[in-house]
Amino acid sequence: MTTEQMQYLQAVFHEGSLSAAARSLGLSQSTMSKSLQSLEKELGVSLFIRIRGKMIPTRQGYAVLDMARKVCSLQEQTAKRIHSLRSGAGRTLSVAFPSHWNYRSFSSVLAEFHRLCPDCAIRPVEYSDSGFYPMLRNKTVSLAVTVGETSASAGFRCLPMGKQEIFLAAPPGFLPASPGSSAVPPEKGQKKTADSCSAVKLHRLPQLPFALPDKGSVFASYLSSYFQQLCFLPEVLFESSSPDCRLSAVRAGLGYTLIPEMFKNLAEELSVVPLSPPCFLPLTLIFADQPPVPEELKLMIRLLTRHAAAQTDSCPELSAYLEDEVLP
């Protein structure tokens, strides 16, 4: 079966007759008829029957038509890819991340994107507070990865990625004795493992100050709400938007800090334990509500959400949203 015959099959199916199909492709009816008759002879089956003057595919015809559609689609995609590579016109996809984002946790996403879309470069752009909206409006970036956002401004879409659990990072030697108890150091010779630590209640911790994120940040506002819920007033050592800076103070034994789950790999030598009750920080993607969504943006959204689903408590309606609205 040739490419032309595949096109003829689809044209007859859409137009309902040989004459209309031939006109749509700029061919003579006899040329198309002879080609399809040759195909039927080659396959040994009838592909169409005439009902009330209209050409209707047979059962075998539908099977061949489905295959023809898939092959033609692959050919079209291949042609576009080759044209893009030949043109040398590289594309760039700019993605906005919060300041001090842990890019190491997303290195696998960037590598996979480059493998699947080698002709499109990724340009990470950092923003402070809610500064991603001006970037999206002036098209400096196409996509923003956000924390704490649960809705989007008019003209934009907000796609929940899931939520990050917040953990307490404590100086080395810190280990909860039992769920809800105060913290005690491990016995001599006992190895501390963060994953085995029980959840801790903040008001039962040994008294040390906290290195907290800057006031006004989304993370700080979530922590403030959490503290109010517990009627807990932390002693503040200092405030910094940099997780590395806060973790350095913890390594020095100066106090505690609180970090999202994605930063646990930066605190491997510290005691990193969950909170009781747990505290979560929403993760979302925000992008312009202007269909159609470019192919490279679709791919990045798919990769980011898959990564988030594997790393976080992912949003249950995410897969349905992707299939129905963003990634058909």
C-alpha atoms as a PDB file:
ATOM      1  CA  MET A   1       0.000   0.000   0.000  1.00  0.00           C
ATOM      2  CA  THR A   2       1.476   3.331  -1.088  1.00  0.00           C
ATOM      3  CA  THR A   3       1.253   6.739   0.568  1.00  0.00           C
ATOM      4  CA  GLU A   4      -1.014   7.919  -2.256  1.00  0.00           C
ATOM      5  CA  GLN A   5      -3.413   5.025  -1.691  1.00  0.00           C
ATOM      6  CA  MET A   6      -3.553   5.876   2.019  1.00  0.00           C
ATOM      7  CA  GLN A   7      -4.483   9.452   1.116  1.00  0.00           C
ATOM      8  CA  TYR A   8      -7.126   8.212  -1.349  1.00  0.00           C
ATOM      9  CA  LEU A   9      -8.706   6.013   1.353  1.00  0.00           C
ATOM     10  CA  GLN A  10      -8.994   8.928   3.773  1.00  0.00           C
ATOM     11  CA  ALA A  11     -10.367  11.237   1.081  1.00  0.00           C
ATOM     12  CA  VAL A  12     -13.105   8.756   0.075  1.00  0.00           C
ATOM     13  CA  PHE A  13     -14.029   8.250   3.727  1.00  0.00           C
ATOM     14  CA  HIS A  14     -14.317  12.002   4.404  1.00  0.00           C
ATOM     15  CA  GLU A  15     -16.047  12.947   1.126  1.00  0.00           C
ATOM     16  CA  GLY A  16     -18.328   9.896   0.849  1.00  0.00           C
ATOM     17  CA  SER A  17     -17.805   9.359  -2.892  1.00  0.00           C
ATOM     18  CA  LEU A  18     -15.050   8.752  -5.414  1.00  0.00           C
ATOM     19  CA  SER A  19     -15.916  11.814  -7.472  1.00  0.00           C
ATOM     20  CA  ALA A  20     -15.841  14.203  -4.503  1.00  0.00           C
ATOM     21  CA  ALA A  21     -12.656  12.610  -3.151  1.00  0.00           C
ATOM     22  CA  ALA A  22     -10.944  12.937  -6.527  1.00  0.00           C
ATOM     23  CA  ARG A  23     -11.945  16.616  -6.795  1.00  0.00           C
ATOM     24  CA  SER A  24     -10.616  17.347  -3.299  1.00  0.00           C
ATOM     25  CA  LEU A  25      -7.207  15.948  -4.281  1.00  0.00           C
ATOM     26  CA  GLY A  26      -7.193  17.409  -7.790  1.00  0.00           C
ATOM     27  CA  LEU A  27      -7.232  13.992  -9.488  1.00  0.00           C
ATOM     28  CA  SER A  28      -9.378  12.297 -12.087  1.00  0.00           C
ATOM     29  CA  GLN A  29     -11.951   9.863 -10.750  1.00  0.00           C
ATOM     30  CA  SER A  30     -10.619   7.075 -12.984  1.00  0.00           C
ATOM     31  CA  THR A  31      -7.082   7.442 -11.583  1.00  0.00           C
ATOM     32  CA  MET A  32      -8.311   7.150  -8.003  1.00  0.00           C
ATOM     33  CA  SER A  33     -10.703   4.299  -8.837  1.00  0.00           C
ATOM     34  CA  LYS A  34      -7.989   2.235 -10.552  1.00  0.00           C
ATOM     35  CA  SER A  35      -5.581   2.790  -7.650  1.00  0.00           C
ATOM     36  CA  LEU A  36      -8.107   1.654  -5.013  1.00  0.00           C
ATOM     37  CA  GLN A  37      -9.181  -1.338  -7.128  1.00  0.00           C
ATOM     38  CA  SER A  38      -5.525  -2.340  -7.340  1.00  0.00           C
ATOM     39  CA  LEU A  39      -5.252  -2.070  -3.543  1.00  0.00           C
ATOM     40  CA  GLU A  40      -8.359  -4.218  -2.995  1.00  0.00           C
ATOM     41  CA  LYS A  41      -6.931  -6.832  -5.352  1.00  0.00           C
ATOM     42  CA  GLU A  42      -3.616  -6.759  -3.499  1.00  0.00           C
ATOM     43  CA  LEU A  43      -5.304  -7.191  -0.090  1.00  0.00           C
ATOM     44  CA  GLY A  44      -7.950  -9.608  -1.329  1.00  0.00           C
ATOM     45  CA  VAL A  45     -10.825  -7.741   0.359  1.00  0.00           C
ATOM     46  CA  SER A  46     -13.410  -5.067  -0.473  1.00  0.00           C
ATOM     47  CA  LEU A  47     -12.665  -1.817   1.329  1.00  0.00           C
ATOM     48  CA  PHE A  48     -15.907   0.090   0.548  1.00  0.00           C
ATOM     49  CA  ILE A  49     -19.532  -0.714  -0.207  1.00  0.00           C
ATOM     50  CA  ARG A  50     -22.034   1.679  -1.779  1.00  0.00           C
ATOM     51  CA  ILE A  51     -25.131   2.415   0.339  1.00  0.00           C
ATOM     52  CA  ARG A  52     -27.669   4.951  -1.008  1.00  0.00           C
ATOM     53  CA  GLY A  53     -25.041   6.476  -3.243  1.00  0.00           C
ATOM     54  CA  LYS A  54     -22.456   6.860  -0.477  1.00  0.00           C
ATOM     55  CA  MET A  55     -19.185   4.948  -0.133  1.00  0.00           C
ATOM     56  CA  ILE A  56     -19.095   3.274   3.315  1.00  0.00           C
ATOM     57  CA  PRO A  57     -16.019   1.394   4.590  1.00  0.00           C
ATOM     58  CA  THR A  58     -16.389  -2.330   5.181  1.00  0.00           C
ATOM     59  CA  ARG A  59     -15.099  -3.897   8.394  1.00  0.00           C
ATOM     60  CA  GLN A  60     -11.785  -4.558   6.660  1.00  0.00           C
ATOM     61  CA  GLY A  61     -11.919  -1.056   5.199  1.00  0.00           C
ATOM     62  CA  TYR A  62     -12.112   0.523   8.659  1.00  0.00           C
ATOM     63  CA  ALA A  63      -9.089  -1.524   9.787  1.00  0.00           C
ATOM     64  CA  VAL A  64      -7.035  -0.430   6.775  1.00  0.00           C
ATOM     65  CA  LEU A  65      -8.245   3.173   7.164  1.00  0.00           C
ATOM     66  CA  ASP A  66      -7.156   3.263  10.820  1.00  0.00           C
ATOM     67  CA  MET A  67      -3.696   2.019   9.884  1.00  0.00           C
ATOM     68  CA  ALA A  68      -3.487   4.539   7.042  1.00  0.00           C
ATOM     69  CA  ARG A  69      -4.313   7.411   9.407  1.00  0.00           C
ATOM     70  CA  LYS A  70      -1.560   6.379  11.827  1.00  0.00           C
ATOM     71  CA  VAL A  71       1.033   5.982   9.085  1.00  0.00           C
ATOM     72  CA  CYS A  72       0.143   9.344   7.515  1.00  0.00           C
ATOM     73  CA  SER A  73       0.320  11.018  10.928  1.00  0.00           C
ATOM     74  CA  LEU A  74       3.783   9.570  11.566  1.00  0.00           C
ATOM     75  CA  GLN A  75       4.926  10.688   8.126  1.00  0.00           C
ATOM     76  CA  GLU A  76       3.694  14.214   8.798  1.00  0.00           C
ATOM     77  CA  GLN A  77       5.452  14.356  12.185  1.00  0.00           C
ATOM     78  CA  THR A  78       8.665  13.035  10.647  1.00  0.00           C
ATOM     79  CA  ALA A  79       8.520  15.629   7.867  1.00  0.00           C
ATOM     80  CA  LYS A  80       8.052  18.445  10.411  1.00  0.00           C
ATOM     81  CA  ARG A  81      10.959  17.174  12.519  1.00  0.00           C
ATOM     82  CA  ILE A  82      13.283  16.914   9.502  1.00  0.00           C
ATOM     83  CA  HIS A  83      12.293  20.409   8.323  1.00  0.00           C
ATOM     84  CA  SER A  84      12.998  21.792  11.790  1.00  0.00           C
ATOM     85  CA  LEU A  85      16.424  20.147  11.930  1.00  0.00           C
ATOM     86  CA  ARG A  86      17.336  21.280   8.401  1.00  0.00           C
ATOM     87  CA  SER A  87      16.268  24.855   8.992  1.00  0.00           C
ATOM     88  CA  GLY A  88      18.617  25.166  11.954  1.00  0.00           C
ATOM     89  CA  ALA A  89      16.131  27.569  13.531  1.00  0.00           C
ATOM     90  CA  GLY A  90      16.509  26.496  17.140  1.00  0.00           C
ATOM     91  CA  ARG A  91      13.611  27.093  19.477  1.00  0.00           C
ATOM     92  CA  THR A  92      13.802  28.123  23.117  1.00  0.00           C
ATOM     93  CA  LEU A  93      11.353  27.266  25.884  1.00  0.00           C
ATOM     94  CA  SER A  94      11.678  29.578  28.888  1.00  0.00           C
ATOM     95  CA  VAL A  95      10.401  28.250  32.217  1.00  0.00           C
ATOM     96  CA  ALA A  96      10.110  30.395  35.355  1.00  0.00           C
ATOM     97  CA  PHE A  97      11.165  28.849  38.674  1.00  0.00           C
ATOM     98  CA  PRO A  98      11.049  30.350  42.186  1.00  0.00           C
ATOM     99  CA  SER A  99      14.279  31.899  43.457  1.00  0.00           C
ATOM    100  CA  HIS A 100      16.677  29.392  45.036  1.00  0.00           C
ATOM    101  CA  TRP A 101      14.879  26.509  43.319  1.00  0.00           C
ATOM    102  CA  ASN A 102      16.520  23.090  43.715  1.00  0.00           C
ATOM    103  CA  TYR A 103      17.316  22.440  40.047  1.00  0.00           C
ATOM    104  CA  ARG A 104      19.106  19.212  40.921  1.00  0.00           C
ATOM    105  CA  SER A 105      15.768  17.636  41.774  1.00  0.00           C
ATOM    106  CA  PHE A 106      14.582  18.379  38.213  1.00  0.00           C
ATOM    107  CA  SER A 107      17.774  17.518  36.316  1.00  0.00           C
ATOM    108  CA  SER A 108      16.214  14.282  35.035  1.00  0.00           C
ATOM    109  CA  VAL A 109      13.299  16.286  33.570  1.00  0.00           C
ATOM    110  CA  LEU A 110      15.621  18.648  31.698  1.00  0.00           C
ATOM    111  CA  ALA A 111      17.702  15.736  30.382  1.00  0.00           C
ATOM    112  CA  GLU A 112      14.626  13.858  29.167  1.00  0.00           C
ATOM    113  CA  PHE A 113      13.259  16.986  27.468  1.00  0.00           C
ATOM    114  CA  HIS A 114      16.537  17.463  25.598  1.00  0.00           C
ATOM    115  CA  ARG A 115      16.473  13.821  24.493  1.00  0.00           C
ATOM    116  CA  LEU A 116      12.913  14.045  23.176  1.00  0.00           C
ATOM    117  CA  CYS A 117      13.159  17.566  21.753  1.00  0.00           C
ATOM    118  CA  PRO A 118      16.837  18.189  20.892  1.00  0.00           C
ATOM    119  CA  ASP A 119      16.081  21.190  18.666  1.00  0.00           C
ATOM    120  CA  CYS A 120      14.524  23.167  21.535  1.00  0.00           C
ATOM    121  CA  ALA A 121      16.691  24.681  24.275  1.00  0.00           C
ATOM    122  CA  ILE A 122      15.477  25.128  27.866  1.00  0.00           C
ATOM    123  CA  ARG A 123      16.067  28.495  29.532  1.00  0.00           C
ATOM    124  CA  PRO A 124      15.313  28.538  33.282  1.00  0.00           C
ATOM    125  CA  VAL A 125      14.382  31.993  34.606  1.00  0.00           C
ATOM    126  CA  GLU A 126      14.111  32.759  38.323  1.00  0.00           C
ATOM    127  CA  TYR A 127      11.499  35.024  39.863  1.00  0.00           C
ATOM    128  CA  SER A 128      10.871  36.462  43.327  1.00  0.00           C
ATOM    129  CA  ASP A 129       7.554  36.361  45.166  1.00  0.00           C
ATOM    130  CA  SER A 130       4.748  36.473  42.530  1.00  0.00           C
ATOM    131  CA  GLY A 131       6.879  38.028  39.802  1.00  0.00           C
ATOM    132  CA  PHE A 132       6.115  35.326  37.256  1.00  0.00           C
ATOM    133  CA  TYR A 133       2.902  36.965  35.955  1.00  0.00           C
ATOM    134  CA  PRO A 134       4.684  39.904  34.246  1.00  0.00           C
ATOM    135  CA  MET A 135       7.020  37.360  32.625  1.00  0.00           C
ATOM    136  CA  LEU A 136       4.083  35.324  31.328  1.00  0.00           C
ATOM    137  CA  ARG A 137       2.236  38.416  30.066  1.00  0.00           C
ATOM    138  CA  ASN A 138       5.170  39.767  28.073  1.00  0.00           C
ATOM    139  CA  LYS A 139       6.051  36.232  26.895  1.00  0.00           C
ATOM    140  CA  THR A 140       9.466  36.254  28.564  1.00  0.00           C
ATOM    141  CA  VAL A 141       8.523  32.779  29.781  1.00  0.00           C
ATOM    142  CA  SER A 142       5.951  30.257  28.562  1.00  0.00           C
ATOM    143  CA  LEU A 143       5.478  28.361  31.823  1.00  0.00           C
ATOM    144  CA  ALA A 144       5.850  29.099  35.537  1.00  0.00           C
ATOM    145  CA  VAL A 145       6.477  26.508  38.241  1.00  0.00           C
ATOM    146  CA  THR A 146       4.939  27.930  41.414  1.00  0.00           C
ATOM    147  CA  VAL A 147       4.571  27.045  45.074  1.00  0.00           C
ATOM    148  CA  GLY A 148       1.507  27.901  47.084  1.00  0.00           C
ATOM    149  CA  GLU A 149      -0.611  29.143  44.159  1.00  0.00           C
ATOM    150  CA  THR A 150      -4.071  27.536  43.992  1.00  0.00           C
ATOM    151  CA  SER A 151      -5.637  29.661  41.235  1.00  0.00           C
ATOM    152  CA  ALA A 152      -4.578  31.724  38.226  1.00  0.00           C
ATOM    153  CA  SER A 153      -5.262  35.268  37.053  1.00  0.00           C
ATOM    154  CA  ALA A 154      -7.622  35.884  34.131  1.00  0.00           C
ATOM    155  CA  GLY A 155      -6.156  34.655  30.867  1.00  0.00           C
ATOM    156  CA  PHE A 156      -4.027  31.978  32.502  1.00  0.00           C
ATOM    157  CA  ARG A 157      -4.445  28.359  33.515  1.00  0.00           C
ATOM    158  CA  CYS A 158      -3.410  26.856  36.833  1.00  0.00           C
ATOM    159  CA  LEU A 159      -2.543  23.155  36.721  1.00  0.00           C
ATOM    160  CA  PRO A 160      -2.094  21.470  40.147  1.00  0.00           C
ATOM    161  CA  MET A 161       1.028  19.295  40.247  1.00  0.00           C
ATOM    162  CA  GLY A 162       0.499  17.982  43.761  1.00  0.00           C
ATOM    163  CA  LYS A 163       1.934  19.064  47.076  1.00  0.00           C
ATOM    164  CA  GLN A 164       5.270  18.988  48.856  1.00  0.00           C
ATOM    165  CA  GLU A 165       5.436  17.876  52.463  1.00  0.00           C
ATOM    166  CA  ILE A 166       7.336  20.227  54.768  1.00  0.00           C
ATOM    167  CA  PHE A 167      10.082  18.710  56.937  1.00  0.00           C
ATOM    168  CA  LEU A 168      11.985  19.880  59.991  1.00  0.00           C
ATOM    169  CA  ALA A 169      15.761  19.990  59.519  1.00  0.00           C
ATOM    170  CA  ALA A 170      17.587  19.732  62.835  1.00  0.00           C
ATOM    171  CA  PRO A 171      21.263  19.648  63.846  1.00  0.00           C
ATOM    172  CA  PRO A 172      23.104  16.304  63.616  1.00  0.00           C
ATOM    173  CA  GLY A 173      22.295  13.976  66.497  1.00  0.00           C
ATOM    174  CA  PHE A 174      18.641  14.954  66.651  1.00  0.00           C
ATOM    175  CA  LEU A 175      16.182  12.021  66.775  1.00  0.00           C
ATOM    176  CA  PRO A 176      12.577  11.803  68.051  1.00  0.00           C
ATOM    177  CA  ALA A 177      12.211   9.188  70.769  1.00  0.00           C
ATOM    178  CA  SER A 178       8.591   8.364  69.867  1.00  0.00           C
ATOM    179  CA  PRO A 179       5.665   9.868  67.928  1.00  0.00           C
ATOM    180  CA  GLY A 180       4.777  13.244  69.366  1.00  0.00           C
ATOM    181  CA  SER A 181       7.528  13.191  71.967  1.00  0.00           C
ATOM    182  CA  SER A 182      10.303  15.689  72.528  1.00  0.00           C
ATOM    183  CA  ALA A 183      13.551  15.064  70.713  1.00  0.00           C
ATOM    184  CA  VAL A 184      16.519  13.212  72.173  1.00  0.00           C
ATOM    185  CA  PRO A 185      19.913  12.430  70.633  1.00  0.00           C
ATOM    186  CA  PRO A 186      20.626   8.854  69.475  1.00  0.00           C
ATOM    187  CA  GLU A 187      22.479   6.479  71.770  1.00  0.00           C
ATOM    188  CA  LYS A 188      26.203   6.053  71.284  1.00  0.00           C
ATOM    189  CA  GLY A 189      26.919   3.948  68.213  1.00  0.00           C
ATOM    190  CA  GLN A 190      23.340   4.222  66.933  1.00  0.00           C
ATOM    191  CA  LYS A 191      23.142   5.487  63.372  1.00  0.00           C
ATOM    192  CA  LYS A 192      20.578   8.177  62.644  1.00  0.00           C
ATOM    193  CA  THR A 193      18.326   7.603  59.629  1.00  0.00           C
ATOM    194  CA  ALA A 194      15.975  10.413  58.699  1.00  0.00           C
ATOM    195  CA  ASP A 195      13.471   8.112  57.006  1.00  0.00           C
ATOM    196  CA  SER A 196      12.986   6.132  60.205  1.00  0.00           C
ATOM    197  CA  CYS A 197      12.389   9.190  62.394  1.00  0.00           C
ATOM    198  CA  SER A 198       8.951   9.731  63.851  1.00  0.00           C
ATOM    199  CA  ALA A 199       6.984  12.903  63.253  1.00  0.00           C
ATOM    200  CA  VAL A 200       7.636  15.683  65.736  1.00  0.00           C
ATOM    201  CA  LYS A 201       5.469  18.320  67.364  1.00  0.00           C
ATOM    202  CA  LEU A 202       7.114  21.736  67.202  1.00  0.00           C
ATOM    203  CA  HIS A 203       6.123  22.814  70.696  1.00  0.00           C
ATOM    204  CA  ARG A 204       7.896  19.750  72.151  1.00  0.00           C
ATOM    205  CA  LEU A 205      11.253  20.402  70.527  1.00  0.00           C
ATOM    206  CA  PRO A 206      14.301  21.310  72.639  1.00  0.00           C
ATOM    207  CA  GLN A 207      14.441  25.084  72.654  1.00  0.00           C
ATOM    208  CA  LEU A 208      16.438  26.348  69.695  1.00  0.00           C
ATOM    209  CA  PRO A 209      15.697  29.272  67.352  1.00  0.00           C
ATOM    210  CA  PHE A 210      14.493  28.842  63.762  1.00  0.00           C
ATOM    211  CA  ALA A 211      16.087  30.025  60.526  1.00  0.00           C
ATOM    212  CA  LEU A 212      12.961  30.903  58.534  1.00  0.00           C
ATOM    213  CA  PRO A 213      12.220  31.977  54.932  1.00  0.00           C
ATOM    214  CA  ASP A 214      11.805  35.692  54.219  1.00  0.00           C
ATOM    215  CA  LYS A 215       8.542  37.318  55.261  1.00  0.00           C
ATOM    216  CA  GLY A 216       6.277  37.954  52.296  1.00  0.00           C
ATOM    217  CA  SER A 217       7.239  34.771  50.467  1.00  0.00           C
ATOM    218  CA  VAL A 218       4.563  32.169  49.734  1.00  0.00           C
ATOM    219  CA  PHE A 219       6.470  29.580  51.767  1.00  0.00           C
ATOM    220  CA  ALA A 220       6.653  31.946  54.750  1.00  0.00           C
ATOM    221  CA  SER A 221       2.905  32.628  54.590  1.00  0.00           C
ATOM    222  CA  TYR A 222       2.137  28.893  54.650  1.00  0.00           C
ATOM    223  CA  LEU A 223       4.448  28.397  57.624  1.00  0.00           C
ATOM    224  CA  SER A 224       2.854  31.354  59.398  1.00  0.00           C
ATOM    225  CA  SER A 225      -0.600  29.800  58.966  1.00  0.00           C
ATOM    226  CA  TYR A 226       0.738  26.481  60.228  1.00  0.00           C
ATOM    227  CA  PHE A 227       2.270  28.131  63.299  1.00  0.00           C
ATOM    228  CA  GLN A 228      -1.016  29.935  64.042  1.00  0.00           C
ATOM    229  CA  GLN A 229      -2.911  26.667  63.735  1.00  0.00           C
ATOM    230  CA  LEU A 230      -0.628  25.155  66.400  1.00  0.00           C
ATOM    231  CA  CYS A 231      -0.509  28.318  68.535  1.00  0.00           C
ATOM    232  CA  PHE A 232       3.257  28.079  68.165  1.00  0.00           C
ATOM    233  CA  LEU A 233       5.506  31.147  68.260  1.00  0.00           C
ATOM    234  CA  PRO A 234       9.030  30.273  67.083  1.00  0.00           C
ATOM    235  CA  GLU A 235      12.102  32.134  68.215  1.00  0.00           C
ATOM    236  CA  VAL A 236      13.611  33.534  65.011  1.00  0.00           C
ATOM    237  CA  LEU A 237      17.352  33.147  64.468  1.00  0.00           C
ATOM    238  CA  PHE A 238      17.253  34.970  61.107  1.00  0.00           C
ATOM    239  CA  GLU A 239      15.248  35.056  57.873  1.00  0.00           C
ATOM    240  CA  SER A 240      16.583  34.118  54.442  1.00  0.00           C
ATOM    241  CA  SER A 241      15.099  33.078  51.115  1.00  0.00           C
ATOM    242  CA  SER A 242      18.074  30.768  50.544  1.00  0.00           C
ATOM    243  CA  PRO A 243      17.581  27.161  51.753  1.00  0.00           C
ATOM    244  CA  ASP A 244      21.370  26.660  51.634  1.00  0.00           C
ATOM    245  CA  CYS A 245      21.859  29.585  53.993  1.00  0.00           C
ATOM    246  CA  ARG A 246      19.269  28.277  56.443  1.00  0.00           C
ATOM    247  CA  LEU A 247      20.653  24.727  56.288  1.00  0.00           C
ATOM    248  CA  SER A 248      24.176  26.038  56.949  1.00  0.00           C
ATOM    249  CA  ALA A 249      22.947  27.489  60.235  1.00  0.00           C
ATOM    250  CA  VAL A 250      21.439  24.114  61.126  1.00  0.00           C
ATOM    251  CA  ARG A 251      24.725  22.318  60.311  1.00  0.00           C
ATOM    252  CA  ALA A 252      26.480  24.706  62.683  1.00  0.00           C
ATOM    253  CA  GLY A 253      24.063  23.680  65.430  1.00  0.00           C
ATOM    254  CA  LEU A 254      22.544  27.163  65.688  1.00  0.00           C
ATOM    255  CA  GLY A 255      18.926  26.098  65.322  1.00  0.00           C
ATOM    256  CA  TYR A 256      16.266  24.479  63.139  1.00  0.00           C
ATOM    257  CA  THR A 257      14.770  25.225  59.766  1.00  0.00           C
ATOM    258  CA  LEU A 258      11.837  23.972  57.700  1.00  0.00           C
ATOM    259  CA  ILE A 259      12.251  22.781  54.115  1.00  0.00           C
ATOM    260  CA  PRO A 260      10.014  21.372  51.358  1.00  0.00           C
ATOM    261  CA  GLU A 261      10.532  17.735  50.451  1.00  0.00           C
ATOM    262  CA  MET A 262      12.487  18.599  47.291  1.00  0.00           C
ATOM    263  CA  PHE A 263      15.330  19.992  49.423  1.00  0.00           C
ATOM    264  CA  LYS A 264      15.831  16.860  51.538  1.00  0.00           C
ATOM    265  CA  ASN A 265      18.782  15.814  49.378  1.00  0.00           C
ATOM    266  CA  LEU A 266      20.549  19.030  50.430  1.00  0.00           C
ATOM    267  CA  ALA A 267      20.325  18.022  54.097  1.00  0.00           C
ATOM    268  CA  GLU A 268      21.446  14.400  54.049  1.00  0.00           C
ATOM    269  CA  GLU A 269      23.854  14.808  56.977  1.00  0.00           C
ATOM    270  CA  LEU A 270      21.186  16.467  59.136  1.00  0.00           C
ATOM    271  CA  SER A 271      18.207  15.036  60.963  1.00  0.00           C
ATOM    272  CA  VAL A 272      15.247  15.578  58.627  1.00  0.00           C
ATOM    273  CA  VAL A 273      11.914  14.578  60.142  1.00  0.00           C
ATOM    274  CA  PRO A 274       8.222  15.047  59.285  1.00  0.00           C
ATOM    275  CA  LEU A 275       5.945  17.302  61.301  1.00  0.00           C
ATOM    276  CA  SER A 276       2.930  16.385  63.392  1.00  0.00           C
ATOM    277  CA  PRO A 277       0.399  17.405  62.233  1.00  0.00           C
ATOM    278  CA  PRO A 278       1.818  17.361  58.692  1.00  0.00           C
ATOM    279  CA  CYS A 279       2.268  20.551  56.688  1.00  0.00           C
ATOM    280  CA  PHE A 280       2.051  20.680  52.881  1.00  0.00           C
ATOM    281  CA  LEU A 281       2.950  23.241  50.223  1.00  0.00           C
ATOM    282  CA  PRO A 282       1.000  23.117  46.916  1.00  0.00           C
ATOM    283  CA  LEU A 283       2.908  22.924  43.627  1.00  0.00           C
ATOM    284  CA  THR A 284       1.302  24.260  40.442  1.00  0.00           C
ATOM    285  CA  LEU A 285       2.062  25.082  36.828  1.00  0.00           C
ATOM    286  CA  ILE A 286       0.716  28.340  35.373  1.00  0.00           C
ATOM    287  CA  PHE A 287       0.658  29.147  31.653  1.00  0.00           C
ATOM    288  CA  ALA A 288      -1.290  31.284  29.187  1.00  0.00           C
ATOM    289  CA  ASP A 289      -4.811  30.091  28.367  1.00  0.00           C
ATOM    290  CA  GLN A 290      -4.268  30.499  24.623  1.00  0.00           C
ATOM    291  CA  PRO A 291      -4.833  27.266  22.686  1.00  0.00           C
ATOM    292  CA  PRO A 292      -3.369  25.547  20.835  1.00  0.00           C
ATOM    293  CA  VAL A 293      -0.581  24.712  23.287  1.00  0.00           C
ATOM    294  CA  PRO A 294       2.814  24.493  21.481  1.00  0.00           C
ATOM    295  CA  GLU A 295       4.225  20.978  21.225  1.00  0.00           C
ATOM    296  CA  GLU A 296       7.366  21.760  23.229  1.00  0.00           C
ATOM    297  CA  LEU A 297       5.261  23.266  26.023  1.00  0.00           C
ATOM    298  CA  LYS A 298       3.029  20.186  26.054  1.00  0.00           C
ATOM    299  CA  LEU A 299       6.100  17.994  26.421  1.00  0.00           C
ATOM    300  CA  MET A 300       7.536  20.049  29.286  1.00  0.00           C
ATOM    301  CA  ILE A 301       4.190  20.041  31.126  1.00  0.00           C
ATOM    302  CA  ARG A 302       3.949  16.277  30.706  1.00  0.00           C
ATOM    303  CA  LEU A 303       7.493  15.673  31.990  1.00  0.00           C
ATOM    304  CA  LEU A 304       7.160  18.047  34.963  1.00  0.00           C
ATOM    305  CA  THR A 305       3.853  16.574  36.082  1.00  0.00           C
ATOM    306  CA  ARG A 306       5.100  13.006  35.738  1.00  0.00           C
ATOM    307  CA  HIS A 307       8.137  13.902  37.817  1.00  0.00           C
ATOM    308  CA  ALA A 308       5.950  15.595  40.411  1.00  0.00           C
ATOM    309  CA  ALA A 309       3.652  12.569  40.549  1.00  0.00           C
ATOM    310  CA  ALA A 310       6.654  10.393  41.372  1.00  0.00           C
ATOM    311  CA  GLN A 311       8.117  12.807  43.930  1.00  0.00           C
ATOM    312  CA  THR A 312       5.058  14.278  45.657  1.00  0.00           C
ATOM    313  CA  ASP A 313       1.527  13.591  46.765  1.00  0.00           C
ATOM    314  CA  SER A 314       0.159  14.223  43.263  1.00  0.00           C
ATOM    315  CA  CYS A 315      -3.203  15.673  42.369  1.00  0.00           C
ATOM    316  CA  PRO A 316      -5.743  12.899  41.518  1.00  0.00           C
ATOM    317  CA  GLU A 317      -7.406  14.804  38.668  1.00  0.00           C
ATOM    318  CA  LEU A 318      -4.097  15.609  36.997  1.00  0.00           C
ATOM    319  CA  SER A 319      -3.964  12.767  34.455  1.00  0.00           C
ATOM    320  CA  ALA A 320      -7.530  13.391  33.288  1.00  0.00           C
ATOM    321  CA  TYR A 321      -6.818  17.110  32.884  1.00  0.00           C
ATOM    322  CA  LEU A 322      -3.732  16.432  30.798  1.00  0.00           C
ATOM    323  CA  GLU A 323      -5.495  13.997  28.490  1.00  0.00           C
ATOM    324  CA  ASP A 324      -8.665  16.044  28.030  1.00  0.00           C
ATOM    325  CA  GLU A 325      -7.475  19.635  27.956  1.00  0.00           C
ATOM    326  CA  VAL A 326      -3.722  20.062  27.617  1.00  0.00           C
ATOM    327  CA  LEU A 327      -2.246  16.973  26.021  1.00  0.00           C
ATOM    328  CA  PRO A 328      -4.785  15.335  23.713  1.00  0.00           C
END
